[in-house]
C-alpha atoms as a PDB file:
ATOM      1  CA  MET A   1       0.000   0.000   0.000  1.00  0.00           C
ATOM      2  CA  ARG A   2       1.092   3.601  -0.554  1.00  0.00           C
ATOM      3  CA  PHE A   3       1.034   6.159   2.243  1.00  0.00           C
ATOM      4  CA  LEU A   4       1.686   9.892   2.384  1.00  0.00           C
ATOM      5  CA  ALA A   5       2.083  10.986   6.006  1.00  0.00           C
ATOM      6  CA  ASP A   6       1.203  14.482   7.173  1.00  0.00           C
ATOM      7  CA  MET A   7       3.471  16.500   9.457  1.00  0.00           C
ATOM      8  CA  GLY A   8       1.530  15.360  12.523  1.00  0.00           C
ATOM      9  CA  VAL A   9       2.736  11.800  11.948  1.00  0.00           C
ATOM     10  CA  ASP A  10       6.159  10.998  13.349  1.00  0.00           C
ATOM     11  CA  ILE A  11       8.760   9.831  10.831  1.00  0.00           C
ATOM     12  CA  ARG A  12       9.176   6.691  12.969  1.00  0.00           C
ATOM     13  CA  VAL A  13       5.648   5.667  11.963  1.00  0.00           C
ATOM     14  CA  VAL A  14       6.596   6.121   8.308  1.00  0.00           C
ATOM     15  CA  ASN A  15       9.741   4.036   8.842  1.00  0.00           C
ATOM     16  CA  TRP A  16       7.623   1.352  10.539  1.00  0.00           C
ATOM     17  CA  LEU A  17       5.348   1.232   7.472  1.00  0.00           C
ATOM     18  CA  ARG A  18       8.378   0.972   5.179  1.00  0.00           C
ATOM     19  CA  GLN A  19       9.782  -1.904   7.228  1.00  0.00           C
ATOM     20  CA  ARG A  20       6.535  -3.756   6.580  1.00  0.00           C
ATOM     21  CA  GLY A  21       6.837  -3.351   2.823  1.00  0.00           C
ATOM     22  CA  HIS A  22       4.607  -0.329   2.291  1.00  0.00           C
ATOM     23  CA  ASP A  23       5.516   2.550   0.002  1.00  0.00           C
ATOM     24  CA  ALA A  24       5.415   5.253   2.681  1.00  0.00           C
ATOM     25  CA  LYS A  25       6.566   8.834   2.341  1.00  0.00           C
ATOM     26  CA  HIS A  26       6.507  11.720   4.760  1.00  0.00           C
ATOM     27  CA  LEU A  27       5.649  15.236   3.584  1.00  0.00           C
ATOM     28  CA  ARG A  28       9.127  16.315   4.644  1.00  0.00           C
ATOM     29  CA  ASP A  29      10.623  13.629   2.324  1.00  0.00           C
ATOM     30  CA  GLU A  30       8.753  15.212  -0.560  1.00  0.00           C
ATOM     31  CA  GLY A  31       9.598  18.820   0.386  1.00  0.00           C
ATOM     32  CA  LEU A  32       5.903  19.461   1.001  1.00  0.00           C
ATOM     33  CA  HIS A  33       5.966  20.234   4.713  1.00  0.00           C
ATOM     34  CA  ARG A  34       4.912  23.868   4.226  1.00  0.00           C
ATOM     35  CA  ILE A  35       2.053  23.507   1.760  1.00  0.00           C
ATOM     36  CA  PRO A  36      -1.625  24.004   2.737  1.00  0.00           C
ATOM     37  CA  ASN A  37      -3.798  20.999   3.606  1.00  0.00           C
ATOM     38  CA  GLY A  38      -5.830  21.335   0.423  1.00  0.00           C
ATOM     39  CA  GLU A  39      -2.713  20.892  -1.680  1.00  0.00           C
ATOM     40  CA  ILE A  40      -1.640  17.928   0.454  1.00  0.00           C
ATOM     41  CA  PHE A  41      -4.951  16.186  -0.269  1.00  0.00           C
ATOM     42  CA  ALA A  42      -4.667  17.034  -3.963  1.00  0.00           C
ATOM     43  CA  LYS A  43      -1.199  15.430  -4.090  1.00  0.00           C
ATOM     44  CA  ALA A  44      -2.272  12.380  -2.099  1.00  0.00           C
ATOM     45  CA  LEU A  45      -5.362  11.825  -4.219  1.00  0.00           C
ATOM     46  CA  SER A  46      -3.969  12.763  -7.638  1.00  0.00           C
ATOM     47  CA  GLY A  47      -3.971  10.068 -10.265  1.00  0.00           C
ATOM     48  CA  ARG A  48      -5.777   7.595  -8.053  1.00  0.00           C
ATOM     49  CA  GLN A  49      -9.229   6.251  -8.705  1.00  0.00           C
ATOM     50  CA  LYS A  50      -9.418   4.741  -5.225  1.00  0.00           C
ATOM     51  CA  SER A  51      -7.680   6.654  -2.484  1.00  0.00           C
ATOM     52  CA  SER A  52      -8.192   6.532   1.235  1.00  0.00           C
ATOM     53  CA  VAL A  53      -7.545   8.762   4.209  1.00  0.00           C
ATOM     54  CA  ILE A  54      -6.600   7.666   7.721  1.00  0.00           C
ATOM     55  CA  LEU A  55      -7.441  10.374  10.240  1.00  0.00           C
ATOM     56  CA  PHE A  56      -5.998  10.039  13.735  1.00  0.00           C
ATOM     57  CA  ARG A  57      -8.031  11.474  16.593  1.00  0.00           C
ATOM     58  CA  LEU A  58      -5.830  10.347  19.439  1.00  0.00           C
ATOM     59  CA  HIS A  59      -5.135  11.894  22.816  1.00  0.00           C
ATOM     60  CA  ASN A  60      -2.064   9.716  23.188  1.00  0.00           C
ATOM     61  CA  THR A  61       0.098  10.564  20.175  1.00  0.00           C
ATOM     62  CA  ARG A  62       3.220   8.745  21.311  1.00  0.00           C
ATOM     63  CA  THR A  63       4.689   6.753  18.461  1.00  0.00           C
ATOM     64  CA  PRO A  64       4.177   3.269  19.993  1.00  0.00           C
ATOM     65  CA  HIS A  65       0.479   4.011  20.551  1.00  0.00           C
ATOM     66  CA  VAL A  66       0.019   5.375  17.026  1.00  0.00           C
ATOM     67  CA  ILE A  67       1.681   2.248  15.651  1.00  0.00           C
ATOM     68  CA  ASP A  68      -0.559   0.023  17.800  1.00  0.00           C
ATOM     69  CA  ARG A  69      -3.665   1.779  16.507  1.00  0.00           C
ATOM     70  CA  LEU A  70      -2.392   1.684  12.913  1.00  0.00           C
ATOM     71  CA  THR A  71      -1.664  -2.033  13.280  1.00  0.00           C
ATOM     72  CA  ALA A  72      -5.307  -2.596  14.240  1.00  0.00           C
ATOM     73  CA  VAL A  73      -6.505  -0.592  11.235  1.00  0.00           C
ATOM     74  CA  LEU A  74      -4.246  -2.381   8.780  1.00  0.00           C
ATOM     75  CA  SER A  75      -5.247  -5.796  10.103  1.00  0.00           C
ATOM     76  CA  SER A  76      -8.990  -5.221   9.961  1.00  0.00           C
ATOM     77  CA  ALA A  77      -9.591  -2.547   7.321  1.00  0.00           C
ATOM     78  CA  THR A  78      -7.166  -3.363   4.498  1.00  0.00           C
ATOM     79  CA  LYS A  79      -9.979  -4.037   2.049  1.00  0.00           C
ATOM     80  CA  ALA A  80     -11.648  -0.718   2.892  1.00  0.00           C
ATOM     81  CA  LEU A  81      -8.341   1.097   2.355  1.00  0.00           C
ATOM     82  CA  GLN A  82      -7.956  -0.566  -1.042  1.00  0.00           C
ATOM     83  CA  GLU A  83     -11.529   0.261  -2.067  1.00  0.00           C
ATOM     84  CA  GLY A  84     -11.415   3.903  -0.966  1.00  0.00           C
ATOM     85  CA  ALA A  85     -12.448   4.981   2.510  1.00  0.00           C
ATOM     86  CA  VAL A  86     -12.012   7.489   5.274  1.00  0.00           C
ATOM     87  CA  ILE A  87     -10.915   5.746   8.460  1.00  0.00           C
ATOM     88  CA  VAL A  88     -11.125   7.679  11.704  1.00  0.00           C
ATOM     89  CA  VAL A  89      -8.794   6.205  14.320  1.00  0.00           C
ATOM     90  CA  GLU A  90      -9.651   6.831  17.959  1.00  0.00           C
ATOM     91  CA  GLU A  91      -8.125   5.584  21.202  1.00  0.00           C
ATOM     92  CA  SER A  92      -9.918   2.249  21.334  1.00  0.00           C
ATOM     93  CA  ARG A  93     -11.728   1.927  18.013  1.00  0.00           C
ATOM     94  CA  HIS A  94     -11.768   3.029  14.410  1.00  0.00           C
ATOM     95  CA  ARG A  95     -14.639   3.862  12.084  1.00  0.00           C
ATOM     96  CA  VAL A  96     -14.731   3.181   8.354  1.00  0.00           C
ATOM     97  CA  ARG A  97     -16.644   5.364   5.907  1.00  0.00           C
ATOM     98  CA  TYR A  98     -16.485   4.216   2.311  1.00  0.00           C
ATOM     99  CA  LEU A  99     -15.939   6.734  -0.462  1.00  0.00           C
ATOM    100  CA  PRO A 100     -17.751   8.384  -1.971  1.00  0.00           C
ATOM    101  CA  LEU A 101     -19.282   9.352   1.338  1.00  0.00           C
ATOM    102  CA  GLY A 102     -22.829   8.129   1.723  1.00  0.00           C
ATOM    103  CA  LYS A 103     -22.065   4.753   0.180  1.00  0.00           C
ATOM    104  CA  THR A 104     -22.133   1.702   2.397  1.00  0.00           C
ATOM    105  CA  LYS A 105     -20.079  -1.432   1.937  1.00  0.00           C
ATOM    106  CA  ASP A 106     -23.231  -3.297   0.927  1.00  0.00           C
ATOM    107  CA  SER A 107     -24.156  -0.737  -1.742  1.00  0.00           C
ATOM    108  CA  ARG A 108     -20.712  -0.808  -3.399  1.00  0.00           C
ATOM    109  CA  PRO A 109     -20.417  -2.903  -6.549  1.00  0.00           C
ATOM    110  CA  GLU A 110     -18.256  -6.018  -6.117  1.00  0.00           C
END
């Protein structure tokens, strides 16, 4: 899977993703650490028919906790990430919303 990490994500999380075989880049790697959020989304979504967003809403933002939460997402929501979804990651759960918003998993064509 390909990931583009925002500035709020520690580079150690990006390195962790790389160690697991993912194509992960940090905004700083791309020289994009000063661009507005709208341009970040445009870059992340450009050229992709099915893109996804993982949004962290964590109180504990220490790297080991972020990695634990991301591990849970990757183990249970890989298919959603591949199909196009917004995944909101909270302290003890995560929610999946398929794209385009308003579609449910059951209403998506197989």
